[in-house]
Protein backbone atom coordinates (compact mmCIF):
# COMPACT_ATOMS: atom_id res chain seq x y z
CA MET A 1 -133.04 84.13 169.14
CA GLU A 2 -136.74 84.11 169.93
CA PHE A 3 -138.34 80.80 171.10
CA GLU A 4 -141.01 79.23 173.38
CA LYS A 5 -139.77 76.47 175.78
CA LEU A 6 -141.14 73.60 177.73
CA VAL A 7 -138.98 72.08 180.50
CA VAL A 8 -139.52 68.33 181.49
CA ASP A 9 -137.42 66.01 183.68
CA ASN A 10 -139.06 62.77 183.41
CA LYS A 11 -140.22 60.02 180.79
CA ALA A 12 -144.02 60.84 181.12
CA GLU A 13 -143.65 64.54 180.83
CA PHE A 14 -141.29 64.14 177.98
CA GLU A 15 -143.64 61.82 175.98
CA ASN A 16 -146.45 64.24 176.70
CA ALA A 17 -144.42 67.31 175.41
CA LEU A 18 -143.65 65.36 172.18
CA ASP A 19 -147.28 64.75 171.68
CA ASN A 20 -148.81 68.20 172.54
CA PHE A 21 -146.03 70.83 172.75
CA CYS A 22 -144.65 69.49 169.30
CA PRO A 23 -141.02 71.08 169.59
CA ASP A 24 -138.82 72.33 166.52
CA ILE A 25 -135.89 71.08 168.49
CA ILE A 26 -134.97 69.06 171.66
CA LEU A 27 -132.07 70.10 173.98
CA SER A 28 -131.41 67.45 176.45
CA ASP A 29 -129.14 67.12 179.57
CA HIS A 30 -127.70 63.35 180.09
CA SER A 31 -128.44 62.68 183.66
CA LEU A 32 -132.11 62.95 184.94
CA PRO A 33 -133.88 61.28 187.78
CA ALA A 34 -134.85 57.56 186.30
CA PHE A 35 -134.21 58.99 182.90
CA ASN A 36 -131.31 59.91 180.65
CA SER A 37 -130.44 61.41 177.17
CA GLU A 38 -130.14 57.97 175.49
CA LYS A 39 -133.64 56.99 176.30
CA ALA A 40 -134.92 60.38 175.45
CA LEU A 41 -133.29 60.13 172.07
CA GLN A 42 -134.83 56.73 171.38
CA ILE A 43 -138.32 57.98 172.19
CA ALA A 44 -137.72 61.13 170.13
CA LYS A 45 -136.77 59.09 167.17
CA GLU A 46 -139.70 56.94 167.44
CA LYS A 47 -142.27 59.73 167.97
CA LEU A 48 -140.69 62.56 165.96
CA PRO A 49 -137.82 61.04 163.81
CA HIS A 50 -136.98 64.28 162.01
CA ILE A 51 -136.86 66.74 164.95
CA PRO A 52 -133.13 67.82 165.81
CA PHE A 53 -131.89 66.40 169.13
CA ILE A 54 -128.90 68.18 170.92
CA LEU A 55 -127.18 66.76 173.94
CA VAL A 56 -126.10 69.54 176.23
CA THR A 57 -124.08 68.21 179.13
CA ALA A 58 -121.06 68.02 181.08
CA THR A 59 -121.23 64.74 182.50
CA VAL A 60 -120.74 62.20 179.69
CA SER A 61 -117.38 61.01 178.13
CA GLU A 62 -116.71 61.95 174.41
CA GLU A 63 -117.00 58.26 173.64
CA PHE A 64 -120.74 58.15 174.86
CA ALA A 65 -121.34 61.49 172.86
CA VAL A 66 -120.05 60.02 169.66
CA ASN A 67 -122.34 57.06 170.19
CA VAL A 68 -125.23 59.23 170.78
CA LEU A 69 -124.47 60.97 167.50
CA LYS A 70 -124.40 57.70 165.78
CA GLN A 71 -127.77 56.90 167.12
CA GLY A 72 -129.36 60.01 165.50
CA ALA A 73 -128.41 63.00 167.69
CA SER A 74 -127.76 66.27 165.69
CA ASP A 75 -124.85 67.52 167.90
CA TYR A 76 -123.60 67.56 171.47
CA ILE A 77 -122.40 70.60 173.44
CA LEU A 78 -120.38 70.68 176.54
CA LYS A 79 -121.35 73.05 179.09
CA THR A 80 -117.91 74.30 179.29
CA ASN A 81 -118.37 75.51 175.64
CA ILE A 82 -121.99 76.58 175.91
CA GLN A 83 -121.26 79.70 173.66
CA ARG A 84 -121.50 77.19 170.59
CA LEU A 85 -124.98 76.40 171.48
CA PRO A 86 -126.83 79.13 169.35
CA SER A 87 -124.91 78.28 166.11
CA SER A 88 -125.59 74.46 166.81
CA VAL A 89 -129.32 75.14 167.08
CA THR A 90 -129.30 77.10 164.03
CA ALA A 91 -127.53 74.67 161.86
CA ALA A 92 -129.80 71.83 163.28
CA LEU A 93 -132.90 73.63 162.44
CA ASP A 94 -131.61 74.55 159.00
CA LYS A 95 -130.75 70.93 158.33
CA ALA A 96 -134.06 69.78 159.59
CA LYS A 97 -135.85 72.19 157.36
CA ILE A 98 -133.87 70.81 154.26
CA VAL A 99 -134.84 67.24 155.33
CA GLU A 100 -138.61 68.49 155.81
CA GLU A 101 -138.62 69.92 152.24
CA LYS A 102 -136.98 66.93 150.74
CA LEU A 103 -139.54 64.91 152.47
CA LEU A 104 -142.38 66.95 151.27
CA THR A 105 -141.10 66.88 147.73
CA GLU A 106 -140.80 62.89 147.86
CA ILE A 107 -144.40 62.76 148.93
CA GLN A 108 -145.73 65.24 146.32
CA LEU A 109 -143.63 63.18 143.75
CA LYS A 110 -145.15 59.98 144.91
CA TYR A 111 -148.61 61.49 144.83
CA SER A 112 -147.87 62.77 141.25
CA HIS A 113 -146.55 59.34 140.19
CA GLN A 114 -149.91 57.62 141.69
CA GLN A 115 -152.10 60.38 139.87
CA ILE A 116 -150.24 59.70 136.55
CA ARG A 117 -150.70 55.82 137.23
CA ASN A 118 -154.38 56.23 137.97
CA LEU A 119 -154.62 58.20 134.76
CA ALA A 120 -153.06 55.60 132.80
CA SER A 121 -155.16 53.01 134.26
CA HIS A 122 -158.19 54.84 133.65
CA LEU A 123 -157.15 55.55 129.82
CA GLN A 124 -156.27 51.81 129.56
CA ASN A 125 -159.77 50.81 130.74
CA ILE A 126 -161.36 53.28 128.53
CA ARG A 127 -159.51 51.97 125.48
CA GLU A 128 -160.49 48.48 126.29
CA GLU A 129 -164.08 49.45 126.76
CA GLU A 130 -163.88 51.33 123.34
CA ARG A 131 -162.24 48.19 121.63
CA SER A 132 -164.86 45.95 123.05
CA ALA A 133 -167.72 48.24 121.84
CA MET A 134 -166.15 48.60 118.42
CA ALA A 135 -165.72 44.79 118.21
CA ARG A 136 -169.36 44.43 119.01
CA GLU A 137 -170.24 47.16 116.41
CA VAL A 138 -168.30 45.57 113.63
CA HIS A 139 -169.36 42.19 114.46
CA ASP A 140 -173.23 43.01 114.67
CA GLU A 141 -173.38 45.46 111.86
CA LEU A 142 -170.82 44.79 109.29
CA GLY A 143 -170.68 41.07 109.72
CA GLN A 144 -174.56 40.94 109.28
CA GLN A 145 -174.55 43.19 106.23
CA LEU A 146 -171.65 41.04 104.63
CA THR A 147 -173.61 37.96 105.50
CA ALA A 148 -176.84 39.39 103.89
CA ILE A 149 -174.82 40.47 100.85
CA LYS A 150 -173.43 36.90 100.46
CA LEU A 151 -176.87 35.38 100.76
CA ASP A 152 -177.96 37.77 97.92
CA ILE A 153 -175.22 36.92 95.68
CA SER A 154 -176.10 33.13 96.30
CA TRP A 155 -179.74 33.96 95.34
CA LEU A 156 -178.70 35.65 92.26
CA THR A 157 -176.17 32.78 91.38
CA LEU A 158 -179.02 30.23 91.59
CA LYS A 159 -181.39 32.52 89.56
CA CYS A 160 -178.76 33.07 86.78
CA VAL A 161 -178.07 29.42 86.05
CA ASN A 162 -178.54 29.92 82.34
CA ALA A 163 -176.95 33.31 82.21
CA ASP A 164 -173.83 34.36 80.37
CA PRO A 165 -170.85 32.50 81.87
CA ASP A 166 -169.08 35.79 82.46
CA ILE A 167 -171.88 36.94 84.69
CA ILE A 168 -171.75 33.64 86.69
CA LYS A 169 -168.08 33.89 86.99
CA LYS A 170 -168.42 37.53 88.32
CA LEU A 171 -171.22 36.46 90.93
CA GLN A 172 -168.73 33.57 92.05
CA ASP A 173 -165.87 35.99 92.52
CA MET A 174 -167.98 38.36 94.29
CA GLU A 175 -169.12 35.53 96.70
CA LYS A 176 -165.41 34.60 97.39
CA LEU A 177 -164.57 38.04 97.96
CA ILE A 178 -167.44 38.39 100.46
CA THR A 179 -166.27 35.28 102.19
CA ILE A 180 -162.83 36.69 102.45
CA SER A 181 -164.33 40.06 103.71
CA LEU A 182 -166.08 38.00 106.70
CA LYS A 183 -163.04 36.31 107.70
CA THR A 184 -161.23 39.71 107.96
CA VAL A 185 -164.06 40.97 109.90
CA LYS A 186 -163.79 37.92 112.28
CA LYS A 187 -160.02 38.60 112.66
CA ILE A 188 -160.56 42.27 113.25
CA VAL A 189 -163.11 41.67 115.91
CA THR A 190 -160.91 38.85 117.77
CA GLU A 191 -157.96 41.31 117.73
CA LEU A 192 -159.96 44.21 119.12
CA HIS A 193 -161.44 42.15 121.95
CA PRO A 194 -160.81 38.25 122.18
CA ALA A 195 -164.22 36.68 123.00
CA ILE A 196 -162.51 33.57 123.83
CA LEU A 197 -160.97 35.22 126.99
CA ASP A 198 -164.54 36.22 128.27
CA LYS A 199 -166.07 32.79 127.51
CA LEU A 200 -163.18 30.15 128.32
CA GLY A 201 -160.69 32.20 130.30
CA ILE A 202 -157.02 33.09 130.48
CA LYS A 203 -155.57 29.37 129.83
CA ASP A 204 -157.56 28.98 126.54
CA ALA A 205 -156.87 32.52 125.37
CA ILE A 206 -153.03 31.87 125.82
CA CYS A 207 -153.43 28.65 123.92
CA TRP A 208 -155.48 30.35 121.05
CA GLN A 209 -153.04 33.24 120.82
CA SER A 210 -150.09 30.81 120.77
CA HIS A 211 -151.67 28.73 117.88
CA GLU A 212 -152.31 32.04 115.93
CA PHE A 213 -148.73 33.14 116.41
CA GLU A 214 -147.38 29.62 115.27
CA LYS A 215 -149.57 29.75 112.17
CA ARG A 216 -148.55 33.43 111.28
CA THR A 217 -144.83 33.20 112.04
CA GLY A 218 -143.81 29.38 111.98
CA ILE A 219 -142.19 30.00 115.34
CA LYS A 220 -142.93 26.86 117.76
CA ILE A 221 -144.33 27.83 121.17
CA ASP A 222 -143.90 25.29 123.91
CA ILE A 223 -146.72 25.87 126.41
CA SER A 224 -146.94 24.78 130.00
CA LEU A 225 -150.18 25.80 131.88
CA VAL A 226 -151.28 25.14 135.46
CA HIS A 227 -153.75 22.49 135.87
CA GLY A 228 -157.31 23.33 137.04
CA PRO A 229 -159.29 26.38 136.90
CA ILE A 230 -157.74 29.74 137.64
CA PRO A 231 -159.93 32.31 139.80
CA VAL A 232 -158.90 35.53 138.25
CA ASP A 233 -160.92 38.64 137.56
CA SER A 234 -161.48 39.99 134.09
CA LYS A 235 -159.05 42.99 134.48
CA THR A 236 -156.16 40.74 135.57
CA ALA A 237 -156.93 38.27 132.86
CA LEU A 238 -156.92 40.82 130.16
CA ALA A 239 -153.80 42.49 131.39
CA LEU A 240 -152.04 39.00 131.20
CA PHE A 241 -153.41 38.56 127.78
CA ARG A 242 -152.32 41.90 126.36
CA ILE A 243 -148.82 41.42 127.93
CA TYR A 244 -148.46 38.10 126.31
CA GLN A 245 -149.57 39.33 122.94
CA GLU A 246 -147.13 42.41 123.20
CA SER A 247 -144.55 39.98 124.13
CA LEU A 248 -145.16 37.79 121.00
CA THR A 249 -145.24 40.90 118.92
CA ASN A 250 -141.79 41.85 120.05
CA ILE A 251 -140.46 38.47 119.51
CA MET A 252 -141.80 38.51 116.00
CA LYS A 253 -140.46 41.76 115.10
CA HIS A 254 -137.02 42.06 116.96
CA ALA A 255 -135.84 38.62 118.48
CA ASN A 256 -135.10 36.45 115.46
CA ALA A 257 -136.20 33.48 117.50
CA SER A 258 -136.64 29.88 116.56
CA MET A 259 -138.56 28.76 119.76
CA VAL A 260 -140.60 30.36 122.45
CA LYS A 261 -141.66 29.01 125.98
CA CYS A 262 -144.61 30.01 127.73
CA SER A 263 -145.73 29.02 131.33
CA LEU A 264 -148.50 29.99 133.59
CA ASN A 265 -148.22 28.90 137.15
CA LYS A 266 -149.92 29.92 140.40
CA THR A 267 -149.01 30.06 144.12
CA GLU A 268 -151.50 30.79 147.02
CA THR A 269 -151.56 34.56 146.21
CA GLU A 270 -150.07 35.10 142.72
CA LEU A 271 -150.40 34.16 138.97
CA ILE A 272 -146.92 33.81 137.43
CA LEU A 273 -146.54 34.30 133.52
CA GLN A 274 -143.28 33.60 131.92
CA ILE A 275 -142.33 34.07 128.38
CA GLU A 276 -138.84 32.91 127.06
CA ASP A 277 -137.35 33.16 123.64
CA ASP A 278 -134.01 31.96 122.18
CA GLY A 279 -133.47 35.03 120.05
CA ASP A 280 -130.88 37.81 119.84
CA GLY A 281 -131.67 39.26 123.27
CA PHE A 282 -130.59 42.78 124.07
CA ASP A 283 -128.60 44.93 126.63
CA GLU A 284 -130.93 45.60 129.56
CA ASN A 285 -129.10 48.73 130.46
CA ALA A 286 -129.30 50.33 126.98
CA GLY A 287 -131.23 53.57 127.23
CA GLY A 288 -133.50 52.85 124.16
CA TYR A 289 -134.73 49.64 125.65
CA LYS A 290 -135.54 51.35 129.01
CA GLN A 291 -137.57 53.79 127.02
CA SER A 292 -139.40 51.43 124.88
CA LEU A 293 -143.09 52.36 124.88
CA GLY A 294 -144.06 48.63 124.44
CA LEU A 295 -142.03 47.45 127.39
CA LEU A 296 -143.18 50.41 129.48
CA GLY A 297 -146.79 49.74 128.60
CA MET A 298 -146.40 46.11 129.67
CA LYS A 299 -145.06 47.07 132.99
CA GLU A 300 -147.58 49.61 133.58
CA ARG A 301 -150.26 47.08 132.82
CA ALA A 302 -148.89 44.82 135.47
CA VAL A 303 -148.26 47.68 138.11
CA VAL A 304 -151.61 49.23 138.11
CA LEU A 305 -153.12 45.96 139.13
CA GLY A 306 -150.68 45.50 141.90
CA GLY A 307 -148.34 43.16 139.96
CA GLU A 308 -144.58 43.22 138.64
CA LEU A 309 -142.97 42.77 135.37
CA GLU A 310 -139.38 41.63 135.33
CA ILE A 311 -137.35 41.46 131.90
CA LYS A 312 -134.08 39.62 131.69
CA SER A 313 -132.13 39.62 128.75
CA SER A 314 -128.49 39.74 127.42
CA PRO A 315 -127.08 39.99 123.68
CA GLY A 316 -127.31 36.50 122.16
CA LYS A 317 -128.94 34.89 125.09
CA GLY A 318 -132.55 35.50 124.42
CA THR A 319 -135.10 37.35 126.61
CA LYS A 320 -137.40 36.24 129.37
CA ILE A 321 -140.24 38.17 130.77
CA ILE A 322 -141.78 37.14 134.03
CA VAL A 323 -145.02 38.72 135.19
CA SER A 324 -146.36 38.21 138.73
CA MET A 325 -150.07 39.35 139.26
CA PRO A 326 -151.87 38.94 142.68
CA PHE A 327 -155.32 37.18 142.60
C-alpha cells in the first residue's frame, strides 16, 4: 500500500494538516499531550466531514471505542490486532469513495434540476411576453379594423334609408356581427394578457376574474382580500393570477363544486393565496394527479419565484390550494 503521511501530535498541527495536507484518511491514537482522539474526531468532522477516521490505540475501553464509532469514526483497531489495519483502511477508503460519488451525483442532479427550472422560468417569461405582444397586436390591429368596418356599415345604413328593406336588414345584421366580433376580440385580448393586472393590481384582477368565473359557471366565489395596497412586483402578481386562473379552470372542469372560497393575505414577508372548493376532491397520493401538467405548472410558477404551493384534498371533501409567495 503506497501512501504519503504526515504525523502530528497537537491540535494546532492537526488543524493545519487538515487545511493544507488534505488527507484521504486519518489514523489517530487516543492519548496525546493536551489532545485526544475524541477532540480530533470532532475537529475532523467539522472541517472534512467525509474523510474516514480510524482510531488505532491500545489505551481505550471497548465502550469508549463504540462511542467514538457512534460519533462518526469509521473503525477502531487495537494495537494488539494491528494486522487488521490494511483491510480496515481499504474498506474505509472504498466507502468514502462511494459517499463522494453519491454526493457528486446529488450535486449534479441539483444542478440539472436548477437548469431545468431556469429553463422553465425562461420559457414561461417568453410565453407571457409573446401573449402580451399578441394581445397588443390583436387590440391595435384587428380591433381598429373591426371598428372601422362598423363605422362604414353605420355610414352605409344612413345612406340607404330608402333602400330595399332586405338591404337595410343585411346591413343591420352585419353591424350586429361586427359588434359581437369586437366583444370577442376584447375577450381574447383580456385572456391573453389581463390589462387590469397592470393597471389596478392583483387584488382587482382577482375580483374581476372571480366575477367572470361566476358569470360563466354560476358557481359562487366568496372573496376575502387583505386591506390596503400590496407591494408586489409584476412577475409575482402575474404568477399568482395565473395560478388562480388555473385553479378556477380545474374547479370548473373536475370539481363539481357549488361554492369557492378565495382569500389573499400577507405577512411581513409573504403573500398567501388560498383557493378552496366544496367539490369532489381527489386522492393526493394517486399517481395521475401527481403527474398532472396543470398542477405541476402551478407549482413551478410558484417555485421559480421562491414560493411554495401546497395542495390538500381528499375524495368527497373538496380541494384547498395554498400559495405562499415572497414579496
